[in-house]
Amino acid sequence: METYAVGPGLHALPSALPIPDSGLQPVNAYLLRGEQPMLVDAGMPVDRDAFEEALWSLVDPADLRWIAITHDDRDHTGSLTRILDRAPDSKIVTNGISLTRLSEEFEIPRGRVVTVNSGSRISGSS
């Protein structure tokens, strides 16, 4: 699916998960462009290559600073480790429970994670 602008500096990276006998479940990620670009969620494993191609068409990997993981379900973390590899200055932003569960499956470099709770704020120096 094609990316599209949601608003100024905000782009949707749409995808859809086929649900048998129910149709398609939208699964979107978002890229907030700006001084410190932030990706919200990291796509699905099933369309990893297309997701990453769309992402890198919108932001240079060297510029991506934040990867916010809303929750640790596979349809939101499919390209996480590949994005971390390609965007060496990026950090993951997620809550402690999601980090614990992500760490069961992925090698997550501790120095590249900022844990937050509901209502938390991050700064460029986090």
N, C-alpha and C. Protein backbone atom coordinates (compact mmCIF):
# COMPACT_ATOMS: atom_id res chain seq x y z
N MET A 1 0.84 -1.18 0.00
CA MET A 1 0.00 0.00 0.00
C MET A 1 0.89 1.24 0.00
N GLU A 2 0.42 2.29 -0.62
CA GLU A 2 1.19 3.52 -0.75
C GLU A 2 1.15 4.32 0.55
N THR A 3 2.28 4.96 0.87
CA THR A 3 2.31 5.88 2.00
C THR A 3 1.51 7.13 1.64
N TYR A 4 1.07 7.85 2.66
CA TYR A 4 0.37 9.10 2.39
C TYR A 4 0.54 10.05 3.57
N ALA A 5 0.42 11.33 3.27
CA ALA A 5 0.53 12.36 4.30
C ALA A 5 -0.77 12.41 5.08
N VAL A 6 -0.65 12.36 6.39
CA VAL A 6 -1.80 12.47 7.28
C VAL A 6 -2.00 13.94 7.66
N GLY A 7 -0.90 14.64 7.76
CA GLY A 7 -0.89 16.05 8.11
C GLY A 7 0.51 16.58 7.88
N PRO A 8 0.76 17.82 8.23
CA PRO A 8 2.10 18.37 8.03
C PRO A 8 3.17 17.55 8.78
N GLY A 9 4.10 16.98 8.03
CA GLY A 9 5.20 16.23 8.63
C GLY A 9 4.83 14.86 9.18
N LEU A 10 3.60 14.41 8.96
CA LEU A 10 3.16 13.11 9.47
C LEU A 10 2.70 12.24 8.31
N HIS A 11 3.35 11.07 8.17
CA HIS A 11 3.05 10.16 7.07
C HIS A 11 2.60 8.81 7.60
N ALA A 12 1.58 8.25 6.97
CA ALA A 12 1.13 6.90 7.30
C ALA A 12 1.84 5.90 6.40
N LEU A 13 2.25 4.79 6.99
CA LEU A 13 2.80 3.66 6.25
C LEU A 13 1.79 2.53 6.43
N PRO A 14 0.80 2.46 5.54
CA PRO A 14 -0.31 1.54 5.74
C PRO A 14 0.01 0.11 5.31
N SER A 15 -0.64 -0.80 5.98
CA SER A 15 -0.59 -2.21 5.63
C SER A 15 -1.90 -2.82 6.10
N ALA A 16 -2.08 -4.08 5.81
CA ALA A 16 -3.30 -4.76 6.24
C ALA A 16 -3.00 -6.23 6.48
N LEU A 17 -3.57 -6.74 7.54
CA LEU A 17 -3.39 -8.12 7.92
C LEU A 17 -4.63 -8.91 7.51
N PRO A 18 -4.48 -9.91 6.64
CA PRO A 18 -5.65 -10.70 6.25
C PRO A 18 -6.16 -11.53 7.42
N ILE A 19 -7.45 -11.40 7.72
CA ILE A 19 -8.09 -12.18 8.77
C ILE A 19 -9.07 -13.13 8.08
N PRO A 20 -8.84 -14.46 8.18
CA PRO A 20 -9.71 -15.41 7.50
C PRO A 20 -11.19 -15.18 7.84
N ASP A 21 -12.00 -15.18 6.80
CA ASP A 21 -13.45 -15.00 6.89
C ASP A 21 -13.88 -13.64 7.43
N SER A 22 -12.94 -12.69 7.53
CA SER A 22 -13.29 -11.38 8.07
C SER A 22 -12.79 -10.22 7.21
N GLY A 23 -11.89 -10.47 6.28
CA GLY A 23 -11.36 -9.40 5.46
C GLY A 23 -9.99 -8.95 5.92
N LEU A 24 -9.73 -7.67 5.80
CA LEU A 24 -8.41 -7.12 6.12
C LEU A 24 -8.47 -6.24 7.37
N GLN A 25 -7.51 -6.42 8.25
CA GLN A 25 -7.37 -5.59 9.44
C GLN A 25 -6.28 -4.57 9.17
N PRO A 26 -6.59 -3.27 9.15
CA PRO A 26 -5.55 -2.27 8.93
C PRO A 26 -4.50 -2.32 10.03
N VAL A 27 -3.24 -2.23 9.63
CA VAL A 27 -2.12 -2.17 10.56
C VAL A 27 -1.19 -1.08 10.03
N ASN A 28 -1.27 0.08 10.65
CA ASN A 28 -0.52 1.21 10.15
C ASN A 28 0.64 1.56 11.07
N ALA A 29 1.69 2.06 10.49
CA ALA A 29 2.78 2.70 11.21
C ALA A 29 2.78 4.15 10.75
N TYR A 30 3.47 4.99 11.50
CA TYR A 30 3.50 6.41 11.17
C TYR A 30 4.91 6.95 11.30
N LEU A 31 5.24 7.89 10.45
CA LEU A 31 6.52 8.58 10.54
C LEU A 31 6.25 10.05 10.77
N LEU A 32 6.75 10.54 11.90
CA LEU A 32 6.69 11.96 12.21
C LEU A 32 8.03 12.56 11.82
N ARG A 33 8.00 13.37 10.78
CA ARG A 33 9.23 13.99 10.30
C ARG A 33 9.44 15.29 11.05
N GLY A 34 10.67 15.69 11.16
CA GLY A 34 10.99 16.93 11.85
C GLY A 34 12.45 16.90 12.25
N GLU A 35 12.79 17.69 13.25
CA GLU A 35 14.17 17.77 13.70
C GLU A 35 14.71 16.42 14.16
N GLN A 36 13.87 15.63 14.82
CA GLN A 36 14.25 14.29 15.27
C GLN A 36 13.16 13.32 14.82
N PRO A 37 13.24 12.82 13.60
CA PRO A 37 12.18 11.96 13.08
C PRO A 37 11.89 10.76 13.98
N MET A 38 10.59 10.46 14.11
CA MET A 38 10.14 9.35 14.93
C MET A 38 9.23 8.43 14.12
N LEU A 39 9.56 7.15 14.16
CA LEU A 39 8.71 6.12 13.58
C LEU A 39 7.84 5.56 14.70
N VAL A 40 6.55 5.45 14.46
CA VAL A 40 5.64 4.84 15.42
C VAL A 40 5.25 3.48 14.87
N ASP A 41 5.78 2.45 15.53
CA ASP A 41 5.64 1.04 15.19
C ASP A 41 6.51 0.68 13.98
N ALA A 42 6.78 -0.61 13.85
CA ALA A 42 7.80 -1.06 12.90
C ALA A 42 7.30 -2.10 11.91
N GLY A 43 6.03 -2.05 11.57
CA GLY A 43 5.51 -2.90 10.50
C GLY A 43 5.35 -4.36 10.87
N MET A 44 4.84 -5.11 9.89
CA MET A 44 4.58 -6.53 10.05
C MET A 44 5.67 -7.37 9.40
N PRO A 45 5.95 -8.54 9.93
CA PRO A 45 6.94 -9.41 9.29
C PRO A 45 6.55 -9.80 7.86
N VAL A 46 5.28 -9.97 7.59
CA VAL A 46 4.83 -10.48 6.30
C VAL A 46 5.15 -9.53 5.14
N ASP A 47 5.22 -8.23 5.40
CA ASP A 47 5.54 -7.29 4.32
C ASP A 47 6.74 -6.42 4.68
N ARG A 48 7.68 -7.01 5.39
CA ARG A 48 8.88 -6.34 5.89
C ARG A 48 9.62 -5.55 4.81
N ASP A 49 9.91 -6.20 3.68
CA ASP A 49 10.70 -5.53 2.63
C ASP A 49 9.99 -4.30 2.07
N ALA A 50 8.70 -4.42 1.79
CA ALA A 50 7.94 -3.28 1.26
C ALA A 50 7.82 -2.17 2.31
N PHE A 51 7.64 -2.56 3.56
CA PHE A 51 7.56 -1.57 4.63
C PHE A 51 8.86 -0.76 4.71
N GLU A 52 9.98 -1.46 4.73
CA GLU A 52 11.26 -0.77 4.84
C GLU A 52 11.54 0.10 3.62
N GLU A 53 11.19 -0.36 2.45
CA GLU A 53 11.38 0.45 1.25
C GLU A 53 10.57 1.75 1.36
N ALA A 54 9.33 1.64 1.83
CA ALA A 54 8.50 2.83 1.99
C ALA A 54 9.07 3.75 3.06
N LEU A 55 9.51 3.19 4.18
CA LEU A 55 10.09 3.99 5.25
C LEU A 55 11.30 4.77 4.78
N TRP A 56 12.24 4.07 4.14
CA TRP A 56 13.48 4.73 3.72
C TRP A 56 13.27 5.70 2.55
N SER A 57 12.13 5.63 1.89
CA SER A 57 11.82 6.64 0.87
C SER A 57 11.39 7.95 1.52
N LEU A 58 11.00 7.89 2.80
CA LEU A 58 10.53 9.07 3.52
C LEU A 58 11.57 9.70 4.45
N VAL A 59 12.53 8.87 4.90
CA VAL A 59 13.54 9.38 5.84
C VAL A 59 14.86 8.65 5.60
N ASP A 60 15.94 9.38 5.69
CA ASP A 60 17.26 8.76 5.59
C ASP A 60 17.51 8.00 6.89
N PRO A 61 17.99 6.76 6.81
CA PRO A 61 18.26 5.99 8.03
C PRO A 61 19.17 6.73 9.02
N ALA A 62 20.10 7.52 8.53
CA ALA A 62 21.01 8.26 9.41
C ALA A 62 20.28 9.34 10.20
N ASP A 63 19.09 9.75 9.73
CA ASP A 63 18.35 10.82 10.40
C ASP A 63 17.32 10.31 11.41
N LEU A 64 16.90 9.05 11.29
CA LEU A 64 15.86 8.52 12.18
C LEU A 64 16.39 8.49 13.62
N ARG A 65 15.67 9.10 14.55
CA ARG A 65 16.13 9.19 15.94
C ARG A 65 15.32 8.32 16.89
N TRP A 66 14.04 8.12 16.63
CA TRP A 66 13.18 7.44 17.58
C TRP A 66 12.33 6.39 16.88
N ILE A 67 12.14 5.27 17.55
CA ILE A 67 11.22 4.22 17.10
C ILE A 67 10.31 3.94 18.29
N ALA A 68 9.11 4.48 18.24
CA ALA A 68 8.15 4.28 19.32
C ALA A 68 7.37 3.00 19.04
N ILE A 69 7.45 2.07 19.96
CA ILE A 69 6.70 0.82 19.85
C ILE A 69 5.50 0.92 20.78
N THR A 70 4.31 0.99 20.19
CA THR A 70 3.10 1.18 21.00
C THR A 70 2.79 -0.05 21.85
N HIS A 71 3.05 -1.21 21.30
CA HIS A 71 2.92 -2.46 22.04
C HIS A 71 3.69 -3.53 21.27
N ASP A 72 3.95 -4.65 21.91
CA ASP A 72 4.92 -5.61 21.38
C ASP A 72 4.34 -6.70 20.50
N ASP A 73 3.12 -6.56 20.02
CA ASP A 73 2.58 -7.56 19.10
C ASP A 73 3.41 -7.60 17.83
N ARG A 74 3.53 -8.78 17.23
CA ARG A 74 4.37 -8.98 16.04
C ARG A 74 3.99 -8.07 14.88
N ASP A 75 2.72 -7.71 14.76
CA ASP A 75 2.33 -6.86 13.63
C ASP A 75 2.77 -5.41 13.81
N HIS A 76 3.43 -5.12 14.93
CA HIS A 76 3.95 -3.78 15.18
C HIS A 76 5.47 -3.76 15.34
N THR A 77 6.11 -4.93 15.23
CA THR A 77 7.56 -5.02 15.48
C THR A 77 8.32 -5.77 14.38
N GLY A 78 7.69 -6.01 13.25
CA GLY A 78 8.26 -6.87 12.21
C GLY A 78 9.62 -6.45 11.67
N SER A 79 9.89 -5.16 11.59
CA SER A 79 11.16 -4.69 11.04
C SER A 79 12.05 -4.06 12.10
N LEU A 80 11.71 -4.22 13.36
CA LEU A 80 12.41 -3.51 14.42
C LEU A 80 13.93 -3.71 14.39
N THR A 81 14.40 -4.93 14.39
CA THR A 81 15.85 -5.13 14.46
C THR A 81 16.55 -4.68 13.18
N ARG A 82 15.90 -4.85 12.04
CA ARG A 82 16.51 -4.38 10.80
C ARG A 82 16.58 -2.86 10.75
N ILE A 83 15.59 -2.19 11.30
CA ILE A 83 15.62 -0.72 11.36
C ILE A 83 16.73 -0.27 12.31
N LEU A 84 16.85 -0.93 13.46
CA LEU A 84 17.93 -0.60 14.39
C LEU A 84 19.29 -0.76 13.73
N ASP A 85 19.46 -1.81 12.95
CA ASP A 85 20.73 -2.04 12.25
C ASP A 85 21.01 -0.93 11.24
N ARG A 86 19.99 -0.52 10.55
CA ARG A 86 20.17 0.43 9.45
C ARG A 86 20.21 1.89 9.93
N ALA A 87 19.60 2.16 11.08
CA ALA A 87 19.54 3.52 11.63
C ALA A 87 20.28 3.54 12.97
N PRO A 88 21.61 3.62 12.93
CA PRO A 88 22.42 3.43 14.14
C PRO A 88 22.24 4.49 15.22
N ASP A 89 21.68 5.64 14.90
CA ASP A 89 21.47 6.67 15.92
C ASP A 89 20.06 6.67 16.49
N SER A 90 19.25 5.69 16.10
CA SER A 90 17.88 5.64 16.59
C SER A 90 17.80 4.92 17.93
N LYS A 91 16.77 5.29 18.69
CA LYS A 91 16.49 4.64 19.97
C LYS A 91 15.04 4.18 19.99
N ILE A 92 14.81 3.07 20.67
CA ILE A 92 13.46 2.56 20.87
C ILE A 92 12.84 3.29 22.06
N VAL A 93 11.58 3.65 21.92
CA VAL A 93 10.80 4.20 23.01
C VAL A 93 9.62 3.25 23.23
N THR A 94 9.52 2.67 24.42
CA THR A 94 8.42 1.78 24.73
C THR A 94 8.30 1.67 26.24
N ASN A 95 7.29 0.95 26.71
CA ASN A 95 7.14 0.76 28.15
C ASN A 95 7.92 -0.48 28.61
N GLY A 96 8.11 -0.61 29.89
CA GLY A 96 8.92 -1.69 30.45
C GLY A 96 8.39 -3.07 30.14
N ILE A 97 7.08 -3.25 30.17
CA ILE A 97 6.49 -4.56 29.88
C ILE A 97 6.77 -4.95 28.44
N SER A 98 6.55 -4.02 27.52
CA SER A 98 6.83 -4.33 26.11
C SER A 98 8.31 -4.62 25.89
N LEU A 99 9.18 -3.86 26.55
CA LEU A 99 10.61 -4.11 26.41
C LEU A 99 10.97 -5.51 26.90
N THR A 100 10.41 -5.91 28.02
CA THR A 100 10.68 -7.26 28.55
C THR A 100 10.23 -8.31 27.55
N ARG A 101 9.04 -8.15 27.00
CA ARG A 101 8.54 -9.15 26.05
C ARG A 101 9.30 -9.11 24.74
N LEU A 102 9.68 -7.92 24.26
CA LEU A 102 10.49 -7.82 23.04
C LEU A 102 11.84 -8.50 23.23
N SER A 103 12.41 -8.37 24.42
CA SER A 103 13.72 -8.94 24.71
C SER A 103 13.71 -10.46 24.71
N GLU A 104 12.55 -11.07 24.83
CA GLU A 104 12.45 -12.52 24.75
C GLU A 104 12.73 -13.02 23.34
N GLU A 105 12.44 -12.20 22.35
CA GLU A 105 12.58 -12.59 20.96
C GLU A 105 13.74 -11.91 20.24
N PHE A 106 13.99 -10.66 20.58
CA PHE A 106 14.97 -9.86 19.86
C PHE A 106 16.14 -9.48 20.77
N GLU A 107 17.31 -9.30 20.15
CA GLU A 107 18.46 -8.72 20.85
C GLU A 107 18.26 -7.21 20.85
N ILE A 108 17.91 -6.66 21.98
CA ILE A 108 17.65 -5.22 22.09
C ILE A 108 18.82 -4.58 22.83
N PRO A 109 19.61 -3.75 22.17
CA PRO A 109 20.72 -3.09 22.86
C PRO A 109 20.20 -2.13 23.93
N ARG A 110 20.52 -2.38 25.17
CA ARG A 110 19.99 -1.59 26.31
C ARG A 110 20.30 -0.10 26.18
N GLY A 111 21.43 0.24 25.60
CA GLY A 111 21.77 1.64 25.45
C GLY A 111 20.95 2.35 24.39
N ARG A 112 20.11 1.61 23.69
CA ARG A 112 19.29 2.21 22.63
C ARG A 112 17.81 2.17 22.96
N VAL A 113 17.51 2.11 24.27
CA VAL A 113 16.11 2.03 24.70
C VAL A 113 15.83 3.12 25.73
N VAL A 114 14.67 3.75 25.57
CA VAL A 114 14.15 4.67 26.57
C VAL A 114 12.80 4.10 26.98
N THR A 115 12.67 3.74 28.26
CA THR A 115 11.38 3.22 28.71
C THR A 115 10.53 4.37 29.24
N VAL A 116 9.26 4.30 28.92
CA VAL A 116 8.32 5.35 29.31
C VAL A 116 7.05 4.70 29.85
N ASN A 117 6.33 5.47 30.62
CA ASN A 117 5.02 5.07 31.10
C ASN A 117 4.01 6.06 30.55
N SER A 118 2.74 5.74 30.68
CA SER A 118 1.69 6.61 30.21
C SER A 118 1.89 8.02 30.78
N GLY A 119 1.86 9.01 29.90
CA GLY A 119 2.04 10.40 30.31
C GLY A 119 3.47 10.87 30.36
N SER A 120 4.43 9.97 30.11
CA SER A 120 5.84 10.35 30.12
C SER A 120 6.17 11.24 28.93
N ARG A 121 7.24 11.99 29.06
CA ARG A 121 7.75 12.81 27.97
C ARG A 121 9.20 12.46 27.77
N ILE A 122 9.64 12.54 26.53
CA ILE A 122 11.04 12.32 26.24
C ILE A 122 11.62 13.60 25.67
N SER A 123 12.92 13.73 25.75
CA SER A 123 13.60 14.88 25.16
C SER A 123 14.65 14.37 24.21
N GLY A 124 15.18 15.23 23.41
CA GLY A 124 16.21 14.85 22.46
C GLY A 124 17.44 14.28 23.10
N SER A 125 17.63 14.50 24.38
CA SER A 125 18.82 13.98 25.06
C SER A 125 18.54 12.68 25.78
N SER A 126 17.33 12.16 25.72
CA SER A 126 16.99 10.93 26.45
C SER A 126 17.80 9.75 25.96
